[in-house]
Amino acid sequence: MALGTDEAVGFWYHLGYTPNLLFQWVYDADLFETETDAMLNGPLAGLHFWRSSFNGIPQLFVELDEPRLDLRHEVREAVTGCHVGFMMSKRFTDRR
């Protein structure tokens, strides 16, 4: 299960959800490659990530061990073509 949030990250983390930074190039998709490279060689260096898209909108997901509001703030200041928020995920299993 996954949900997007910008404000209640601590609440969902406390309930066992895993935080990921989610970048969505909704403002200027042409900046996707340039800004992705800058982030992955800068403040996001060494973190596990994957690229995706939703309805043609480029996305970048970055795995975090814990909510990093400071990192979200830092990267929000550095990118102009995208929205940066958190995507919280949790794996549920069927234990019948």
C-alpha atoms as a PDB file:
ATOM      1  CA  MET A   1       0.000   0.000   0.000  1.00  0.00           C
ATOM      2  CA  ALA A   2       1.314   3.449  -0.820  1.00  0.00           C
ATOM      3  CA  LEU A   3       0.110   6.966  -0.106  1.00  0.00           C
ATOM      4  CA  GLY A   4       1.390  10.434  -0.799  1.00  0.00           C
ATOM      5  CA  THR A   5       1.808  12.955   1.975  1.00  0.00           C
ATOM      6  CA  ASP A   6       3.681  16.151   2.645  1.00  0.00           C
ATOM      7  CA  GLU A   7       2.753  16.887   6.232  1.00  0.00           C
ATOM      8  CA  ALA A   8       1.894  13.686   8.149  1.00  0.00           C
ATOM      9  CA  VAL A   9       5.129  11.807   7.432  1.00  0.00           C
ATOM     10  CA  GLY A  10       5.891  11.202  11.120  1.00  0.00           C
ATOM     11  CA  PHE A  11       2.419   9.792  11.743  1.00  0.00           C
ATOM     12  CA  TRP A  12       2.659   7.254   8.900  1.00  0.00           C
ATOM     13  CA  TYR A  13       6.269   6.383   9.807  1.00  0.00           C
ATOM     14  CA  HIS A  14       5.144   5.670  13.386  1.00  0.00           C
ATOM     15  CA  LEU A  15       2.548   3.244  11.943  1.00  0.00           C
ATOM     16  CA  GLY A  16       5.264   1.273  10.139  1.00  0.00           C
ATOM     17  CA  TYR A  17       5.244   2.908   6.706  1.00  0.00           C
ATOM     18  CA  THR A  18       8.540   3.327   4.831  1.00  0.00           C
ATOM     19  CA  PRO A  19       9.315   6.834   3.539  1.00  0.00           C
ATOM     20  CA  ASN A  20      10.405   7.584  -0.016  1.00  0.00           C
ATOM     21  CA  LEU A  21      11.016  10.991  -1.511  1.00  0.00           C
ATOM     22  CA  LEU A  22       8.870  11.362  -4.612  1.00  0.00           C
ATOM     23  CA  PHE A  23       9.770  13.803  -7.371  1.00  0.00           C
ATOM     24  CA  GLN A  24       7.143  14.449 -10.056  1.00  0.00           C
ATOM     25  CA  TRP A  25       8.078  16.700 -12.977  1.00  0.00           C
ATOM     26  CA  VAL A  26       4.618  18.232 -13.345  1.00  0.00           C
ATOM     27  CA  TYR A  27       5.847  21.783 -13.909  1.00  0.00           C
ATOM     28  CA  ASP A  28       8.507  21.146 -16.582  1.00  0.00           C
ATOM     29  CA  ALA A  29       9.088  17.558 -17.721  1.00  0.00           C
ATOM     30  CA  ASP A  30      11.955  18.716 -19.960  1.00  0.00           C
ATOM     31  CA  LEU A  31      14.043  19.287 -16.800  1.00  0.00           C
ATOM     32  CA  PHE A  32      13.720  15.646 -15.667  1.00  0.00           C
ATOM     33  CA  GLU A  33      17.144  14.382 -16.832  1.00  0.00           C
ATOM     34  CA  THR A  34      19.089  17.515 -15.870  1.00  0.00           C
ATOM     35  CA  GLU A  35      17.551  17.870 -12.409  1.00  0.00           C
ATOM     36  CA  THR A  36      17.670  14.123 -11.733  1.00  0.00           C
ATOM     37  CA  ASP A  37      21.388  14.010 -12.527  1.00  0.00           C
ATOM     38  CA  ALA A  38      22.046  17.056 -10.329  1.00  0.00           C
ATOM     39  CA  MET A  39      20.155  15.525  -7.389  1.00  0.00           C
ATOM     40  CA  LEU A  40      21.739  12.059  -7.717  1.00  0.00           C
ATOM     41  CA  ASN A  41      25.225  13.562  -7.892  1.00  0.00           C
ATOM     42  CA  GLY A  42      24.470  16.034  -5.087  1.00  0.00           C
ATOM     43  CA  PRO A  43      22.215  15.714  -2.035  1.00  0.00           C
ATOM     44  CA  LEU A  44      20.869  12.275  -3.022  1.00  0.00           C
ATOM     45  CA  ALA A  45      24.259  10.701  -3.811  1.00  0.00           C
ATOM     46  CA  GLY A  46      24.547   7.133  -2.542  1.00  0.00           C
ATOM     47  CA  LEU A  47      20.806   6.628  -1.961  1.00  0.00           C
ATOM     48  CA  HIS A  48      18.832   3.890  -3.715  1.00  0.00           C
ATOM     49  CA  PHE A  49      16.419   5.263  -6.320  1.00  0.00           C
ATOM     50  CA  TRP A  50      14.271   4.272  -9.278  1.00  0.00           C
ATOM     51  CA  ARG A  51      12.772   6.170 -12.184  1.00  0.00           C
ATOM     52  CA  SER A  52       9.174   5.827 -13.241  1.00  0.00           C
ATOM     53  CA  SER A  53       6.344   7.750 -14.863  1.00  0.00           C
ATOM     54  CA  PHE A  54       2.644   8.224 -14.260  1.00  0.00           C
ATOM     55  CA  ASN A  55       0.358   9.347 -17.086  1.00  0.00           C
ATOM     56  CA  GLY A  56       3.445  10.499 -18.968  1.00  0.00           C
ATOM     57  CA  ILE A  57       4.809  12.541 -16.036  1.00  0.00           C
ATOM     58  CA  PRO A  58       8.407  11.584 -15.182  1.00  0.00           C
ATOM     59  CA  GLN A  59       8.987  10.512 -11.576  1.00  0.00           C
ATOM     60  CA  LEU A  60      11.946   9.726  -9.352  1.00  0.00           C
ATOM     61  CA  PHE A  61      11.568   7.719  -6.138  1.00  0.00           C
ATOM     62  CA  VAL A  62      14.326   7.771  -3.503  1.00  0.00           C
ATOM     63  CA  GLU A  63      14.318   5.263  -0.633  1.00  0.00           C
ATOM     64  CA  LEU A  64      14.899   6.633   2.864  1.00  0.00           C
ATOM     65  CA  ASP A  65      15.475   4.846   6.178  1.00  0.00           C
ATOM     66  CA  GLU A  66      13.522   7.517   8.034  1.00  0.00           C
ATOM     67  CA  PRO A  67      11.635  10.709   7.157  1.00  0.00           C
ATOM     68  CA  ARG A  68      14.137  13.398   6.201  1.00  0.00           C
ATOM     69  CA  LEU A  69      12.311  16.712   6.209  1.00  0.00           C
ATOM     70  CA  ASP A  70      15.647  18.518   5.975  1.00  0.00           C
ATOM     71  CA  LEU A  71      16.548  16.629   2.793  1.00  0.00           C
ATOM     72  CA  ARG A  72      13.123  17.288   1.270  1.00  0.00           C
ATOM     73  CA  HIS A  73      13.569  20.994   1.973  1.00  0.00           C
ATOM     74  CA  GLU A  74      17.073  21.006   0.494  1.00  0.00           C
ATOM     75  CA  VAL A  75      16.064  19.336  -2.762  1.00  0.00           C
ATOM     76  CA  ARG A  76      12.870  21.390  -3.081  1.00  0.00           C
ATOM     77  CA  GLU A  77      15.048  24.480  -3.151  1.00  0.00           C
ATOM     78  CA  ALA A  78      17.255  23.005  -5.886  1.00  0.00           C
ATOM     79  CA  VAL A  79      14.673  21.769  -8.417  1.00  0.00           C
ATOM     80  CA  THR A  80      12.277  23.945 -10.360  1.00  0.00           C
ATOM     81  CA  GLY A  81      10.484  21.573 -12.713  1.00  0.00           C
ATOM     82  CA  CYS A  82       8.957  19.231 -10.176  1.00  0.00           C
ATOM     83  CA  HIS A  83       6.922  18.732  -7.050  1.00  0.00           C
ATOM     84  CA  VAL A  84       8.777  17.021  -4.189  1.00  0.00           C
ATOM     85  CA  GLY A  85       6.858  15.156  -1.502  1.00  0.00           C
ATOM     86  CA  PHE A  86       6.817  11.907   0.407  1.00  0.00           C
ATOM     87  CA  MET A  87       5.366   8.603  -0.677  1.00  0.00           C
ATOM     88  CA  MET A  88       4.846   6.289   2.273  1.00  0.00           C
ATOM     89  CA  SER A  89       4.583   2.556   1.646  1.00  0.00           C
ATOM     90  CA  LYS A  90       3.807  -0.508   3.717  1.00  0.00           C
ATOM     91  CA  ARG A  91       3.735  -4.160   2.743  1.00  0.00           C
ATOM     92  CA  PHE A  92       0.735  -6.130   3.934  1.00  0.00           C
ATOM     93  CA  THR A  93       0.522  -9.895   3.718  1.00  0.00           C
ATOM     94  CA  ASP A  94      -2.401 -12.271   3.702  1.00  0.00           C
ATOM     95  CA  ARG A  95      -2.059 -14.429   6.823  1.00  0.00           C
ATOM     96  CA  ARG A  96      -5.012 -16.762   6.389  1.00  0.00           C
END
